[in-house]
Protein backbone atom coordinates (compact mmCIF):
# COMPACT_ATOMS: atom_id res chain seq x y z
CA MET A 1 180.05 32.80 152.46
CA SER A 2 179.98 30.06 149.81
CA ARG A 3 181.62 26.78 150.73
CA LEU A 4 184.28 26.96 147.98
CA GLU A 5 184.84 30.71 147.90
CA ASN A 6 188.30 31.60 146.49
CA LYS A 7 189.01 27.95 145.61
CA VAL A 8 190.35 26.86 142.21
CA ALA A 9 189.35 23.40 141.01
CA ILE A 10 190.02 20.98 138.18
CA ILE A 11 187.35 18.36 137.43
CA THR A 12 187.90 15.66 134.80
CA GLY A 13 185.08 14.05 132.85
CA GLY A 14 183.06 17.18 133.55
CA ALA A 15 180.96 17.55 130.41
CA ARG A 16 178.17 15.13 131.32
CA GLY A 17 176.82 12.89 134.06
CA MET A 18 178.31 13.04 137.54
CA GLY A 19 181.11 15.29 136.36
CA GLU A 20 178.67 17.87 135.06
CA ALA A 21 176.84 17.82 138.38
CA HIS A 22 180.12 18.40 140.22
CA VAL A 23 181.03 21.32 137.95
CA ARG A 24 177.64 22.97 138.44
CA ARG A 25 177.74 22.57 142.21
CA PHE A 26 181.31 23.82 142.57
CA VAL A 27 180.60 26.97 140.53
CA SER A 28 177.43 27.61 142.54
CA GLU A 29 179.50 27.37 145.73
CA GLY A 30 181.98 30.02 144.61
CA ALA A 31 184.79 27.98 143.03
CA LYS A 32 186.58 28.83 139.83
CA VAL A 33 186.48 25.61 137.84
CA VAL A 34 188.43 24.24 134.92
CA PHE A 35 186.72 21.08 133.71
CA THR A 36 187.93 18.68 131.06
CA ASP A 37 186.51 16.00 128.80
CA ILE A 38 186.82 14.60 125.29
CA ASN A 39 183.23 15.68 124.56
CA GLU A 40 183.91 19.16 123.22
CA GLU A 41 180.34 19.99 122.21
CA SER A 42 178.85 19.33 125.66
CA GLY A 43 181.86 20.85 127.42
CA ASN A 44 181.75 24.12 125.51
CA ALA A 45 177.98 24.40 125.96
CA LEU A 46 178.25 23.92 129.72
CA ALA A 47 181.08 26.47 130.02
CA SER A 48 179.05 29.03 128.08
CA GLU A 49 176.06 28.45 130.34
CA LEU A 50 178.00 28.75 133.60
CA GLY A 51 179.93 31.91 132.73
CA GLU A 52 183.29 33.37 133.63
CA ASN A 53 184.02 31.07 136.58
CA ALA A 54 183.96 27.93 134.43
CA LYS A 55 186.40 27.05 131.69
CA PHE A 56 186.33 23.95 129.49
CA ILE A 57 189.47 22.31 128.08
CA ARG A 58 189.52 19.23 125.87
CA GLN A 59 191.80 16.69 127.54
CA ASP A 60 192.97 13.14 127.07
CA VAL A 61 193.46 12.23 130.73
CA THR A 62 195.85 9.42 129.81
CA LYS A 63 198.44 11.85 128.41
CA ALA A 64 200.96 13.58 130.69
CA ALA A 65 201.34 16.44 128.19
CA ASP A 66 197.60 17.14 128.33
CA TRP A 67 197.75 17.26 132.13
CA GLU A 68 200.64 19.72 132.02
CA ALA A 69 198.67 21.95 129.64
CA VAL A 70 195.55 21.83 131.83
CA VAL A 71 197.46 22.77 134.97
CA THR A 72 199.24 25.62 133.18
CA GLU A 73 196.00 26.97 131.72
CA THR A 74 194.25 26.72 135.09
CA GLU A 75 196.98 28.69 136.85
CA ASN A 76 197.05 31.29 134.08
CA SER A 77 193.27 31.71 134.19
CA PHE A 78 192.48 31.43 137.90
CA GLY A 79 195.65 30.94 139.96
CA PRO A 80 197.13 28.02 141.95
CA ILE A 81 194.99 24.92 142.29
CA ASN A 82 193.23 23.96 145.53
CA ILE A 83 191.05 21.06 144.38
CA LEU A 84 191.33 18.15 141.95
CA VAL A 85 188.41 15.81 141.27
CA ASN A 86 189.57 12.78 139.30
CA ASN A 87 186.17 11.87 137.87
CA ALA A 88 186.88 10.57 134.34
CA GLY A 89 186.30 6.86 133.90
CA ILE A 90 184.90 4.11 131.67
CA SER A 91 183.57 0.57 131.94
CA LEU A 92 183.27 -2.24 129.40
CA SER A 93 180.63 -4.94 129.82
CA LYS A 94 182.83 -7.86 128.77
CA SER A 95 183.72 -11.02 130.62
CA ILE A 96 187.30 -12.20 131.12
CA PHE A 97 186.67 -14.60 128.21
CA GLU A 98 185.74 -11.77 125.84
CA MET A 99 188.05 -8.97 126.96
CA THR A 100 191.16 -8.34 124.88
CA GLU A 101 194.46 -6.96 126.09
CA GLU A 102 193.68 -3.76 124.18
CA ASP A 103 190.31 -3.46 125.97
CA TYR A 104 191.93 -4.00 129.33
CA ARG A 105 194.78 -1.54 128.84
CA LYS A 106 192.31 1.13 127.72
CA ILE A 107 190.37 0.80 130.99
CA VAL A 108 193.58 0.85 133.03
CA ASP A 109 194.84 3.97 131.26
CA ILE A 110 191.62 5.94 131.69
CA ASN A 111 190.54 4.77 135.16
CA GLN A 112 193.89 4.26 136.87
CA VAL A 113 196.85 5.86 135.08
CA SER A 114 194.94 9.13 134.67
CA VAL A 115 194.51 9.38 138.44
CA PHE A 116 198.26 9.01 138.95
CA LEU A 117 198.98 11.62 136.27
CA GLY A 118 196.41 14.03 137.67
CA ILE A 119 197.71 13.82 141.21
CA LYS A 120 201.33 14.17 140.15
CA SER A 121 200.52 17.13 137.90
CA VAL A 122 198.61 19.22 140.45
CA LEU A 123 200.78 18.70 143.54
CA PRO A 124 203.32 21.45 142.73
CA SER A 125 200.48 23.94 142.26
CA MET A 126 198.76 22.85 145.48
CA GLN A 127 202.00 23.27 147.40
CA LYS A 128 201.91 26.97 146.49
CA THR A 129 198.65 27.35 148.41
CA GLY A 130 199.46 25.03 151.32
CA ASN A 131 195.87 23.86 151.10
CA GLY A 132 194.70 21.12 148.78
CA SER A 133 192.01 18.49 148.45
CA ILE A 134 192.15 15.65 145.94
CA VAL A 135 188.95 13.66 145.47
CA ASN A 136 189.31 10.44 143.51
CA ILE A 137 186.05 8.98 142.19
CA SER A 138 186.29 5.23 142.63
CA SER A 139 183.17 3.04 142.88
CA MET A 140 181.43 0.60 145.17
CA ASN A 141 183.32 -1.84 142.93
CA GLY A 142 186.48 -0.50 144.51
CA LEU A 143 185.23 -2.31 147.63
CA VAL A 144 183.44 -5.39 146.24
CA GLY A 145 183.57 -7.42 143.04
CA GLY A 146 182.15 -6.35 139.69
CA ALA A 147 183.17 -6.13 136.05
CA VAL A 148 186.69 -7.19 135.06
CA GLY A 149 188.85 -4.15 134.36
CA TYR A 150 186.47 -1.74 136.03
CA THR A 151 186.69 -3.42 139.43
CA ASP A 152 190.46 -3.83 139.21
CA THR A 153 191.07 -0.18 138.43
CA LYS A 154 188.61 1.10 141.00
CA PHE A 155 190.41 -0.92 143.69
CA ALA A 156 193.63 0.71 142.42
CA VAL A 157 192.11 4.19 142.79
CA ARG A 158 191.33 3.34 146.40
CA GLY A 159 194.93 2.19 146.88
CA ILE A 160 196.66 5.22 145.38
CA THR A 161 194.37 7.43 147.46
CA LYS A 162 195.73 5.92 150.66
CA ALA A 163 199.36 5.84 149.51
CA VAL A 164 199.44 9.48 148.39
CA ALA A 165 197.41 10.72 151.36
CA ILE A 166 200.14 9.53 153.73
CA GLN A 167 202.90 11.12 151.67
CA VAL A 168 201.30 14.59 151.34
CA ALA A 169 199.51 14.96 154.66
CA GLY A 170 202.29 17.14 156.05
CA LEU A 171 201.92 19.52 153.10
CA GLY A 172 198.34 20.49 153.95
CA ILE A 173 196.97 18.34 151.12
CA ARG A 174 194.24 15.77 151.70
CA VAL A 175 193.33 12.82 149.45
CA ASN A 176 190.10 10.83 149.70
CA SER A 177 188.10 8.44 147.53
CA VAL A 178 184.38 8.42 146.80
CA HIS A 179 182.61 5.12 146.10
CA PRO A 180 179.27 5.59 144.31
CA GLY A 181 176.82 2.79 143.71
CA VAL A 182 174.25 2.92 140.89
CA ILE A 183 173.94 6.54 139.73
CA GLU A 184 171.37 7.77 137.20
CA THR A 185 173.76 9.15 134.58
CA PRO A 186 173.79 8.93 130.76
CA MET A 187 176.26 6.02 131.08
CA VAL A 188 173.42 4.10 132.73
CA THR A 189 170.26 5.53 131.15
CA GLU A 190 171.60 5.43 127.56
CA GLY A 191 173.41 2.10 127.77
CA ASP A 192 172.41 -1.33 126.47
CA ALA A 193 171.72 -2.63 129.97
CA VAL A 194 169.34 0.15 131.07
CA GLU A 195 166.36 -2.17 131.75
CA VAL A 196 168.52 -4.61 133.68
CA ILE A 197 169.90 -1.79 135.79
CA LYS A 198 166.44 -0.38 136.49
CA GLU A 199 165.31 -3.79 137.69
CA PHE A 200 168.45 -4.17 139.81
CA ALA A 201 167.80 -0.77 141.41
CA LYS A 202 164.64 -2.17 142.98
CA HIS A 203 166.84 -4.44 145.12
CA ILE A 204 169.03 -1.63 146.49
CA PRO A 205 168.13 -1.12 150.18
CA ILE A 206 167.04 2.48 149.43
CA GLN A 207 165.19 1.04 146.38
CA ARG A 208 166.35 3.53 143.77
CA MET A 209 169.35 4.84 141.90
CA ALA A 210 171.09 7.97 143.20
CA SER A 211 171.00 11.25 141.34
CA PRO A 212 174.35 12.73 140.28
CA GLU A 213 173.61 15.70 142.55
CA GLU A 214 173.56 13.43 145.59
CA VAL A 215 177.12 12.37 144.81
CA SER A 216 178.08 16.01 144.26
CA ASN A 217 177.00 16.79 147.81
CA LEU A 218 179.61 14.35 149.10
CA VAL A 219 182.31 15.51 146.68
CA LEU A 220 181.65 19.11 147.73
CA TYR A 221 182.10 18.20 151.39
CA LEU A 222 185.46 16.54 150.69
CA ALA A 223 186.63 19.42 148.49
CA SER A 224 185.75 22.00 151.12
CA ASP A 225 187.52 22.87 154.36
CA GLU A 226 184.64 21.22 156.23
CA SER A 227 186.42 17.88 155.81
CA SER A 228 189.74 19.22 157.09
CA TYR A 229 190.50 16.14 159.25
CA SER A 230 189.60 13.53 156.63
CA THR A 231 192.33 12.01 154.48
CA GLY A 232 193.18 8.60 153.08
CA SER A 233 189.59 7.48 153.57
CA GLU A 234 186.77 5.88 151.58
CA PHE A 235 183.41 7.61 151.45
CA VAL A 236 180.65 5.28 150.27
CA ILE A 237 177.43 6.49 148.64
CA ASP A 238 175.65 3.37 147.42
CA GLY A 239 172.18 3.30 148.99
CA GLY A 240 173.25 0.48 151.28
CA LEU A 241 174.44 -2.00 148.64
CA THR A 242 177.77 -2.83 150.24
CA ALA A 243 176.06 -3.26 153.62
CA MET A 244 174.13 -6.29 152.33
């Protein structure tokens, strides 16, 4: 039996990068997946490739109305929701001296507020099943310092994970955070700092970046019933960086 057989999942930021890897893995493990993104071209192409158990919806994760529509469409298509992966996120390579209030609020809305909205939106549906797993993608920078805005919000994701986990544990719903290090995604390989990141990767204890699929293995574990006694916890996948 597949590890997510009869499970219904929502994955944000699912059109490319880590999110795409999560979508592919979940479908291959038997889940019915609704994935969202603002990248309609990539999202529609992936849904067409994966078939009837994957559905793409364009979503602005910072808007409560969009969340309501995604939850409604998911239930109408596949039934009550068992899994939410809050994967959508951004980073801006600006120092505190360069960053504007508008820049900062954009990061907060996408990386932090969207997680709150996602959790709040899916809980009523999860209560129908009595079995839910929420996986919030934070970062190693939710544990140690990094870019302004990105670090702040990733610490906040870690915090809301713990706060909500305590409140919903008695409902059969678990909430955990995942803390990736340097992952070989388009955000890294197509960015301005690609050569700097490649050089930095040589100094990771494992001496390389992780593939998105390696992160998906961990997300799959937390989404599945295999992790039934894990909640309110951080799961680090950083090649040993935070151990240094």
